[in-house]
N, C-alpha and C. Protein backbone atom coordinates (compact mmCIF):
# COMPACT_ATOMS: atom_id res chain seq x y z
N MET A 1 17.30 -19.05 -145.54
CA MET A 1 17.09 -18.69 -143.97
C MET A 1 18.25 -19.88 -143.08
N THR A 2 19.31 -18.68 -142.70
CA THR A 2 20.43 -19.66 -142.00
C THR A 2 21.13 -18.50 -140.37
N GLU A 3 20.58 -19.65 -139.59
CA GLU A 3 21.20 -19.21 -138.13
C GLU A 3 22.57 -19.02 -138.39
N ARG A 4 23.45 -17.45 -138.11
CA ARG A 4 24.90 -17.44 -137.93
C ARG A 4 25.25 -17.56 -137.08
N GLN A 5 26.56 -17.61 -137.49
CA GLN A 5 27.84 -17.37 -136.11
C GLN A 5 27.67 -16.03 -135.65
N ILE A 6 27.52 -15.92 -134.30
CA ILE A 6 28.31 -14.33 -133.39
C ILE A 6 29.21 -14.44 -133.87
N ARG A 7 29.60 -12.83 -134.62
CA ARG A 7 31.28 -12.54 -134.34
C ARG A 7 31.49 -11.52 -132.41
N VAL A 8 32.81 -12.21 -132.39
CA VAL A 8 32.85 -12.18 -131.01
C VAL A 8 34.08 -11.04 -130.68
N PHE A 9 34.30 -10.10 -129.42
CA PHE A 9 34.80 -8.75 -129.59
C PHE A 9 36.33 -9.54 -129.55
N GLY A 10 36.63 -8.54 -131.20
CA GLY A 10 38.21 -8.73 -131.69
C GLY A 10 38.33 -8.87 -132.90
N ASP A 11 36.90 -9.51 -133.28
CA ASP A 11 36.72 -8.76 -134.40
C ASP A 11 36.27 -7.78 -135.34
N PRO A 12 37.57 -7.58 -136.41
CA PRO A 12 37.44 -6.17 -137.02
C PRO A 12 36.06 -5.74 -136.83
N VAL A 13 34.96 -6.71 -137.83
CA VAL A 13 33.88 -5.89 -138.45
C VAL A 13 32.69 -5.45 -137.45
N LEU A 14 33.22 -5.76 -136.08
CA LEU A 14 32.42 -4.87 -135.14
C LEU A 14 33.27 -3.95 -134.93
N ARG A 15 34.24 -3.02 -135.15
CA ARG A 15 34.72 -1.69 -135.08
C ARG A 15 34.53 -0.52 -136.02
N SER A 16 33.87 -1.36 -137.02
CA SER A 16 33.74 -0.39 -138.35
C SER A 16 32.53 -0.35 -138.14
N ALA A 17 32.04 1.68 -138.87
CA ALA A 17 30.93 1.63 -139.11
C ALA A 17 30.35 1.20 -140.50
N CYS A 18 29.17 0.55 -140.42
CA CYS A 18 28.02 -0.22 -141.65
C CYS A 18 27.90 0.99 -142.44
N ASP A 19 27.71 -0.02 -143.74
CA ASP A 19 27.41 0.83 -145.25
C ASP A 19 26.28 0.67 -145.19
N PRO A 20 25.34 1.75 -145.34
CA PRO A 20 23.86 1.72 -145.54
C PRO A 20 23.79 0.67 -146.90
N VAL A 21 22.59 -0.40 -146.02
CA VAL A 21 22.02 -0.94 -147.31
C VAL A 21 20.87 -0.74 -148.62
N ARG A 22 21.36 -1.41 -150.02
CA ARG A 22 20.84 -1.11 -151.16
C ARG A 22 19.48 -1.44 -150.95
N VAL A 23 18.71 -0.31 -151.10
CA VAL A 23 17.26 -1.01 -150.92
C VAL A 23 16.92 -1.93 -152.60
N GLY A 24 16.23 -2.69 -152.30
CA GLY A 24 16.40 -3.65 -153.88
C GLY A 24 17.26 -4.57 -153.98
N ASP A 25 18.13 -4.42 -153.25
CA ASP A 25 19.51 -5.53 -153.37
C ASP A 25 18.97 -6.65 -153.12
N PRO A 26 18.89 -7.63 -154.43
CA PRO A 26 18.45 -8.68 -153.49
C PRO A 26 18.97 -9.67 -152.67
N ARG A 27 20.09 -9.20 -152.28
CA ARG A 27 20.74 -9.85 -151.02
C ARG A 27 20.13 -9.39 -149.80
N ALA A 28 19.84 -8.34 -150.22
CA ALA A 28 19.52 -7.79 -148.51
C ALA A 28 18.41 -8.67 -147.80
N THR A 29 17.56 -9.25 -149.02
CA THR A 29 16.09 -10.13 -148.68
C THR A 29 16.94 -11.10 -147.71
N ALA A 30 18.40 -11.75 -147.92
CA ALA A 30 19.21 -12.65 -148.15
C ALA A 30 19.35 -12.69 -146.19
N LEU A 31 20.08 -11.48 -146.13
CA LEU A 31 20.54 -10.79 -144.82
C LEU A 31 19.50 -10.61 -143.84
N VAL A 32 18.54 -10.30 -144.68
CA VAL A 32 17.02 -10.16 -143.62
C VAL A 32 16.86 -11.54 -142.68
N ASP A 33 16.71 -11.94 -143.78
CA ASP A 33 16.23 -13.44 -143.04
C ASP A 33 17.53 -14.33 -142.54
N ASP A 34 18.63 -14.41 -142.35
CA ASP A 34 19.57 -14.77 -141.60
C ASP A 34 19.31 -14.11 -140.37
N LEU A 35 19.26 -12.56 -139.95
CA LEU A 35 19.04 -11.86 -139.46
C LEU A 35 17.92 -12.61 -138.42
N ILE A 36 17.37 -12.54 -138.59
CA ILE A 36 15.10 -13.08 -138.63
C ILE A 36 15.77 -14.18 -137.56
N GLU A 37 15.94 -15.46 -138.51
CA GLU A 37 16.62 -16.75 -138.05
C GLU A 37 17.52 -16.66 -136.80
N THR A 38 18.19 -15.87 -136.72
CA THR A 38 19.84 -16.15 -135.67
C THR A 38 18.76 -14.74 -134.53
N VAL A 39 18.38 -13.88 -134.22
CA VAL A 39 17.74 -13.47 -133.16
C VAL A 39 16.69 -14.39 -132.53
N THR A 40 15.78 -15.40 -133.11
CA THR A 40 14.63 -16.02 -132.27
C THR A 40 15.62 -17.02 -131.33
N LEU A 41 17.10 -17.05 -131.47
CA LEU A 41 17.03 -18.39 -130.69
C LEU A 41 17.25 -17.41 -128.90
N PRO A 42 16.87 -18.48 -128.55
CA PRO A 42 16.49 -18.02 -127.08
C PRO A 42 17.17 -16.91 -126.23
N GLY A 43 16.96 -16.13 -126.00
CA GLY A 43 18.01 -15.21 -125.18
C GLY A 43 18.80 -13.76 -125.73
N ARG A 44 17.82 -13.87 -127.27
CA ARG A 44 18.84 -12.80 -127.91
C ARG A 44 17.57 -12.58 -127.87
N ALA A 45 17.99 -10.61 -127.81
CA ALA A 45 16.83 -9.27 -128.04
C ALA A 45 17.46 -9.27 -129.12
N GLY A 46 18.09 -8.69 -129.89
CA GLY A 46 18.50 -8.11 -131.02
C GLY A 46 19.96 -9.25 -131.33
N VAL A 47 20.51 -8.47 -132.82
CA VAL A 47 21.60 -8.89 -133.89
C VAL A 47 21.43 -7.91 -134.86
N ALA A 48 22.95 -7.17 -134.91
CA ALA A 48 23.19 -6.94 -135.81
C ALA A 48 24.03 -6.97 -137.02
N ALA A 49 23.48 -6.72 -138.31
CA ALA A 49 24.27 -7.95 -139.05
C ALA A 49 25.90 -7.41 -138.99
N ASN A 50 26.78 -6.81 -138.57
CA ASN A 50 28.00 -6.91 -138.22
C ASN A 50 28.26 -7.53 -137.40
N GLN A 51 27.20 -8.17 -136.68
CA GLN A 51 27.76 -9.31 -135.55
C GLN A 51 27.46 -10.42 -136.42
N ILE A 52 27.22 -10.83 -137.58
CA ILE A 52 26.91 -11.78 -137.83
C ILE A 52 28.14 -11.76 -139.39
N GLY A 53 28.54 -11.11 -139.13
CA GLY A 53 30.18 -10.81 -139.85
C GLY A 53 29.61 -9.76 -141.48
N VAL A 54 28.52 -8.71 -141.68
CA VAL A 54 27.89 -8.24 -142.57
C VAL A 54 28.48 -6.61 -142.38
N SER A 55 28.51 -6.35 -143.09
CA SER A 55 29.11 -4.80 -142.48
C SER A 55 28.19 -3.95 -143.35
N LEU A 56 27.21 -4.29 -143.39
CA LEU A 56 25.65 -3.24 -143.55
C LEU A 56 25.03 -2.98 -142.40
N ARG A 57 24.21 -2.35 -142.48
CA ARG A 57 23.43 -1.39 -142.16
C ARG A 57 22.06 -1.64 -141.41
N ALA A 58 21.68 -2.63 -140.74
CA ALA A 58 20.86 -3.08 -140.83
C ALA A 58 20.68 -4.56 -139.20
N PHE A 59 19.11 -3.94 -138.74
CA PHE A 59 20.08 -4.86 -137.04
C PHE A 59 17.77 -6.16 -137.18
N SER A 60 18.01 -7.34 -136.81
CA SER A 60 16.48 -7.46 -136.30
C SER A 60 16.65 -7.31 -134.67
N TYR A 61 15.85 -7.63 -134.05
CA TYR A 61 15.15 -7.38 -132.82
C TYR A 61 14.20 -8.81 -132.30
N ASN A 62 13.93 -9.34 -131.50
CA ASN A 62 13.18 -10.10 -130.44
C ASN A 62 13.24 -10.18 -129.15
N ILE A 63 11.86 -8.61 -129.30
CA ILE A 63 11.20 -8.09 -127.85
C ILE A 63 9.94 -8.59 -127.36
N ASP A 64 10.29 -9.72 -126.05
CA ASP A 64 8.48 -9.81 -125.45
C ASP A 64 7.88 -10.21 -126.68
N GLY A 65 8.39 -11.06 -127.12
CA GLY A 65 7.96 -12.32 -128.71
C GLY A 65 7.67 -11.31 -129.70
N VAL A 66 8.04 -10.06 -130.04
CA VAL A 66 7.63 -9.29 -131.14
C VAL A 66 9.40 -9.21 -131.96
N ILE A 67 9.37 -10.27 -132.86
CA ILE A 67 10.81 -10.34 -133.73
C ILE A 67 9.80 -9.42 -135.50
N GLY A 68 11.58 -8.60 -135.68
CA GLY A 68 11.01 -7.89 -136.58
C GLY A 68 12.94 -7.47 -136.79
N TYR A 69 12.97 -6.07 -137.86
CA TYR A 69 13.99 -6.10 -138.13
C TYR A 69 13.32 -4.46 -138.96
N ILE A 70 14.96 -4.08 -138.83
CA ILE A 70 14.53 -2.71 -139.45
C ILE A 70 15.97 -2.73 -140.23
N ILE A 71 16.51 -1.55 -141.74
CA ILE A 71 17.70 -1.18 -142.13
C ILE A 71 17.70 -0.07 -142.44
N ASN A 72 18.73 0.48 -142.84
CA ASN A 72 19.08 1.71 -142.14
C ASN A 72 18.53 2.16 -141.05
N PRO A 73 19.10 1.42 -140.46
CA PRO A 73 18.54 2.74 -138.36
C PRO A 73 19.38 3.80 -138.09
N THR A 74 18.11 5.38 -137.95
CA THR A 74 19.03 5.79 -137.55
C THR A 74 18.39 6.43 -135.89
N LEU A 75 19.11 6.67 -135.13
CA LEU A 75 18.73 6.56 -133.62
C LEU A 75 18.23 8.21 -133.65
N VAL A 76 17.14 8.61 -133.23
CA VAL A 76 16.51 9.98 -133.59
C VAL A 76 16.02 10.52 -132.75
N GLU A 77 16.09 9.85 -131.25
CA GLU A 77 15.77 9.81 -130.19
C GLU A 77 15.81 9.29 -128.50
N VAL A 78 16.61 10.02 -127.74
CA VAL A 78 16.82 9.33 -126.73
C VAL A 78 16.36 10.31 -125.61
N SER A 79 15.70 9.55 -124.47
CA SER A 79 14.80 10.54 -124.10
C SER A 79 14.86 10.28 -122.38
N GLY A 80 14.84 10.90 -121.11
CA GLY A 80 14.42 10.35 -120.25
C GLY A 80 16.15 10.33 -119.64
N GLU A 81 16.08 10.68 -118.11
CA GLU A 81 17.56 10.70 -117.50
C GLU A 81 17.94 9.21 -117.59
N ALA A 82 19.57 9.26 -118.38
CA ALA A 82 19.64 7.54 -118.33
C ALA A 82 20.31 6.96 -116.65
N GLU A 83 20.08 5.49 -117.14
CA GLU A 83 19.83 4.86 -116.04
C GLU A 83 20.86 4.01 -115.92
N LEU A 84 21.65 3.31 -114.98
CA LEU A 84 22.55 2.01 -115.07
C LEU A 84 21.61 0.97 -115.46
N VAL A 85 21.50 0.12 -116.16
CA VAL A 85 20.95 -1.15 -116.00
C VAL A 85 21.81 -1.86 -116.75
N ASP A 86 22.07 -3.08 -116.49
CA ASP A 86 22.70 -4.52 -116.63
C ASP A 86 22.72 -5.16 -118.08
N GLU A 87 23.64 -5.14 -118.47
CA GLU A 87 23.47 -4.68 -120.46
C GLU A 87 24.33 -5.76 -120.64
N GLY A 88 24.65 -7.04 -121.52
CA GLY A 88 25.28 -8.17 -121.97
C GLY A 88 24.84 -7.65 -123.47
N CYS A 89 26.36 -8.99 -124.32
CA CYS A 89 26.29 -9.03 -125.48
C CYS A 89 26.90 -9.61 -126.50
N LEU A 90 25.89 -10.55 -127.31
CA LEU A 90 26.20 -12.00 -127.74
C LEU A 90 27.38 -11.35 -128.51
N SER A 91 28.23 -10.68 -128.84
CA SER A 91 29.63 -10.53 -128.83
C SER A 91 30.52 -10.49 -127.84
N VAL A 92 29.87 -10.41 -126.43
CA VAL A 92 30.42 -10.52 -125.96
C VAL A 92 29.93 -11.41 -124.82
N PRO A 93 30.02 -12.82 -125.11
CA PRO A 93 29.47 -13.59 -124.13
C PRO A 93 29.49 -13.99 -123.32
N GLY A 94 28.54 -14.41 -122.17
CA GLY A 94 28.47 -14.73 -120.53
C GLY A 94 29.26 -12.97 -119.72
N PHE A 95 29.05 -12.26 -120.33
CA PHE A 95 29.35 -10.74 -119.17
C PHE A 95 27.72 -10.19 -118.84
N TYR A 96 27.50 -9.30 -118.01
CA TYR A 96 27.14 -8.22 -118.39
C TYR A 96 27.64 -7.33 -117.39
N PHE A 97 27.53 -6.29 -117.95
CA PHE A 97 28.18 -4.96 -117.03
C PHE A 97 26.97 -4.14 -117.00
N PRO A 98 27.21 -3.23 -115.63
CA PRO A 98 25.91 -2.25 -115.57
C PRO A 98 26.64 -1.06 -117.03
N ARG A 99 25.35 -0.68 -117.78
CA ARG A 99 25.53 0.04 -118.66
C ARG A 99 24.93 1.27 -118.16
N LEU A 100 24.92 2.89 -119.23
CA LEU A 100 24.02 3.88 -118.26
C LEU A 100 23.34 3.78 -119.91
N ARG A 101 21.73 3.60 -119.87
CA ARG A 101 21.34 4.03 -121.32
C ARG A 101 19.81 5.01 -120.97
N HIS A 102 19.24 5.39 -121.97
CA HIS A 102 18.66 6.22 -121.71
C HIS A 102 16.71 5.48 -122.00
N PRO A 103 15.86 5.74 -120.58
CA PRO A 103 14.90 4.70 -120.53
C PRO A 103 14.00 4.49 -122.31
N PHE A 104 13.80 5.70 -122.83
CA PHE A 104 13.14 5.57 -123.87
C PHE A 104 14.51 6.26 -125.12
N ALA A 105 14.00 5.34 -126.75
CA ALA A 105 14.64 6.20 -127.56
C ALA A 105 13.71 5.20 -128.77
N ARG A 106 14.27 5.78 -129.74
CA ARG A 106 13.13 6.03 -130.93
C ARG A 106 14.22 5.82 -132.64
N VAL A 107 14.28 4.89 -133.03
CA VAL A 107 14.77 4.72 -134.51
C VAL A 107 13.85 5.02 -136.08
N THR A 108 14.45 5.17 -136.80
CA THR A 108 13.67 5.16 -138.39
C THR A 108 14.88 4.61 -139.46
N GLY A 109 14.22 4.10 -140.16
CA GLY A 109 14.86 3.45 -141.00
C GLY A 109 13.64 3.15 -142.19
N VAL A 110 13.69 1.97 -143.16
CA VAL A 110 13.13 1.14 -143.39
C VAL A 110 13.07 -0.19 -143.71
N ASP A 111 12.20 -0.63 -144.59
CA ASP A 111 12.32 -2.25 -144.31
C ASP A 111 12.58 -2.56 -145.84
N LEU A 112 12.29 -3.67 -146.35
CA LEU A 112 12.97 -4.13 -147.66
C LEU A 112 12.57 -3.44 -148.68
N ASP A 113 11.31 -3.03 -148.60
CA ASP A 113 10.49 -2.54 -149.77
C ASP A 113 11.10 -1.31 -150.29
N GLY A 114 11.63 -0.43 -149.24
CA GLY A 114 11.74 0.78 -149.24
C GLY A 114 10.76 1.61 -148.48
N ASN A 115 9.98 0.65 -147.66
CA ASN A 115 8.64 1.86 -146.71
C ASN A 115 9.63 2.11 -145.55
N PRO A 116 9.36 3.47 -145.18
CA PRO A 116 9.67 4.06 -143.62
C PRO A 116 9.08 3.25 -142.56
N VAL A 117 10.27 3.09 -141.97
CA VAL A 117 9.60 1.96 -140.51
C VAL A 117 10.41 3.28 -139.25
N GLU A 118 9.87 3.07 -138.39
CA GLU A 118 9.57 3.77 -136.92
C GLU A 118 9.65 2.45 -136.06
N LEU A 119 10.69 2.69 -135.32
CA LEU A 119 10.65 1.83 -134.17
C LEU A 119 10.48 2.40 -132.48
N SER A 120 10.04 2.67 -131.31
CA SER A 120 10.05 3.31 -130.93
C SER A 120 9.73 1.93 -129.15
N GLY A 121 10.55 2.62 -128.25
CA GLY A 121 10.16 1.71 -126.65
C GLY A 121 11.10 2.31 -125.64
N ASP A 122 9.98 2.13 -124.31
CA ASP A 122 11.01 2.25 -123.24
C ASP A 122 11.67 0.90 -123.13
N GLY A 123 12.21 0.75 -121.50
CA GLY A 123 12.63 -0.47 -121.39
C GLY A 123 13.35 -1.21 -121.87
N LEU A 124 13.55 -2.24 -122.51
CA LEU A 124 14.33 -3.72 -123.15
C LEU A 124 14.34 -3.34 -124.19
N MET A 125 13.12 -2.95 -125.44
CA MET A 125 13.55 -2.39 -126.37
C MET A 125 14.01 -1.03 -126.65
N ALA A 126 14.13 -0.26 -125.46
CA ALA A 126 15.11 1.08 -125.53
C ALA A 126 16.20 0.67 -125.52
N GLN A 127 16.26 -0.16 -124.87
CA GLN A 127 17.85 -0.42 -124.35
C GLN A 127 18.33 -1.38 -125.89
N ALA A 128 17.41 -2.32 -126.71
CA ALA A 128 17.76 -2.69 -127.65
C ALA A 128 18.35 -2.16 -128.68
N LEU A 129 17.80 -0.77 -129.12
CA LEU A 129 17.60 0.48 -130.16
C LEU A 129 18.61 0.82 -130.10
N GLN A 130 19.43 0.81 -128.40
CA GLN A 130 20.17 1.53 -128.31
C GLN A 130 21.69 1.04 -128.82
N HIS A 131 21.84 -0.27 -128.15
CA HIS A 131 22.32 -0.87 -128.13
C HIS A 131 22.91 -1.30 -129.77
N GLU A 132 21.69 -1.97 -130.75
CA GLU A 132 22.03 -2.87 -131.89
C GLU A 132 22.59 -1.55 -132.99
N THR A 133 21.80 -0.10 -132.36
CA THR A 133 22.32 1.35 -133.64
C THR A 133 23.98 1.26 -133.04
N ASP A 134 23.83 1.41 -131.77
CA ASP A 134 25.89 1.88 -131.59
C ASP A 134 26.47 0.88 -132.57
N HIS A 135 26.03 -0.73 -131.98
CA HIS A 135 26.56 -1.66 -133.42
C HIS A 135 26.96 -1.69 -134.55
N LEU A 136 26.14 -0.63 -135.14
CA LEU A 136 25.94 -0.34 -136.56
C LEU A 136 27.33 0.47 -136.60
N ASP A 137 27.07 1.49 -135.24
CA ASP A 137 28.46 2.66 -135.64
C ASP A 137 29.68 2.35 -135.39
N GLY A 138 29.72 0.38 -134.95
CA GLY A 138 31.16 0.05 -134.99
C GLY A 138 31.54 0.24 -133.58
N HIS A 139 30.43 0.35 -132.31
CA HIS A 139 30.68 0.90 -130.95
C HIS A 139 30.20 -0.93 -130.72
N LEU A 140 31.22 -1.08 -129.40
CA LEU A 140 30.40 -2.08 -128.68
C LEU A 140 30.10 -1.49 -127.59
N PHE A 141 29.25 -2.14 -126.75
CA PHE A 141 28.73 -1.77 -125.74
C PHE A 141 29.61 -1.19 -123.89
N ILE A 142 30.52 -2.11 -124.29
CA ILE A 142 31.71 -1.70 -123.17
C ILE A 142 32.38 -0.42 -123.28
N GLU A 143 32.11 0.10 -124.35
CA GLU A 143 33.08 1.64 -124.10
C GLU A 143 32.52 2.28 -123.42
N GLY A 144 30.69 2.35 -123.14
CA GLY A 144 30.43 3.02 -123.10
C GLY A 144 29.98 2.69 -121.07
N LEU A 145 30.90 1.89 -120.95
CA LEU A 145 30.86 1.38 -119.29
C LEU A 145 31.64 2.87 -118.66
N GLU A 146 31.34 2.84 -117.30
CA GLU A 146 32.13 4.19 -115.96
C GLU A 146 33.62 3.50 -116.50
N PRO A 147 34.48 4.34 -116.06
CA PRO A 147 35.83 3.84 -116.36
C PRO A 147 36.62 2.76 -115.39
N ALA A 148 35.80 2.42 -114.62
CA ALA A 148 36.73 1.71 -113.63
C ALA A 148 36.09 0.44 -114.25
N ALA A 149 33.86 0.45 -113.99
CA ALA A 149 33.96 -0.79 -114.79
C ALA A 149 34.66 -0.98 -115.98
N LYS A 150 34.86 -0.08 -116.94
CA LYS A 150 35.10 -0.99 -118.19
C LYS A 150 36.57 -1.35 -117.97
N LYS A 151 37.76 -1.30 -117.04
CA LYS A 151 38.36 -1.99 -116.45
C LYS A 151 38.79 -3.08 -116.12
N GLU A 152 37.15 -3.42 -115.08
CA GLU A 152 37.40 -4.78 -114.92
C GLU A 152 36.56 -5.02 -115.75
N ALA A 153 35.56 -4.85 -116.37
CA ALA A 153 35.27 -5.81 -117.75
C ALA A 153 36.42 -6.23 -119.08
N MET A 154 37.60 -5.43 -119.11
CA MET A 154 38.53 -5.66 -119.93
C MET A 154 39.69 -7.00 -119.25
N ARG A 155 39.53 -6.67 -118.33
CA ARG A 155 40.12 -8.01 -117.73
C ARG A 155 39.33 -8.67 -117.57
N LEU A 156 38.75 -8.45 -117.07
CA LEU A 156 37.69 -10.85 -117.53
C LEU A 156 37.48 -10.67 -119.00
N ILE A 157 37.46 -9.88 -119.71
CA ILE A 157 36.89 -10.59 -121.34
C ILE A 157 38.70 -11.34 -121.63
N ARG A 158 39.63 -10.56 -121.21
CA ARG A 158 40.77 -11.08 -121.35
C ARG A 158 40.89 -12.08 -121.00
N MET A 159 40.24 -12.64 -119.82
CA MET A 159 40.03 -14.02 -119.52
C MET A 159 39.64 -15.16 -119.56
N ALA A 160 38.25 -14.51 -120.66
CA ALA A 160 36.68 -15.49 -121.44
C ALA A 160 37.82 -16.89 -122.05
N PRO A 161 37.56 -17.86 -121.58
CA PRO A 161 38.26 -18.67 -123.00
C PRO A 161 37.96 -18.45 -124.24
N TRP A 162 37.08 -17.49 -124.37
CA TRP A 162 36.48 -17.97 -125.56
C TRP A 162 37.51 -15.79 -126.30
N TYR A 163 38.07 -15.91 -125.77
CA TYR A 163 39.05 -14.23 -126.09
C TYR A 163 40.22 -14.66 -127.11
């Protein structure tokens, strides 16, 4: 297992939809191990594979002390009135912006053995499920900001020392 460096805004791997993971591929185990190792650091709720430079559909999560992963996730349900929540992203370090998210979300996918996996939750889990599947579809959370907030976010990002 290796903690992997997080790719930041501007890296092309973050802007492309990820390919499905081939279940049974021995590299998938190494990817999941790296995702788990990388998400266990303090302050991390989720890490998508493309955030560590791998364009495959998988992410890890660390919500309320529960750590896990899902391969080939699909967001199958969101419910409740979308509400503004402060959201940040490891790929846009140091910033939080108000983003509309549904209070409940559910994803389905598989584990390393190809067994069905379903993750669902509200609050931070719902936010993480939506955020991480967006990553795997090649979208950063700033794309969903209200126009004025997005304009301000882009201004601040361009001034960031990591940009």
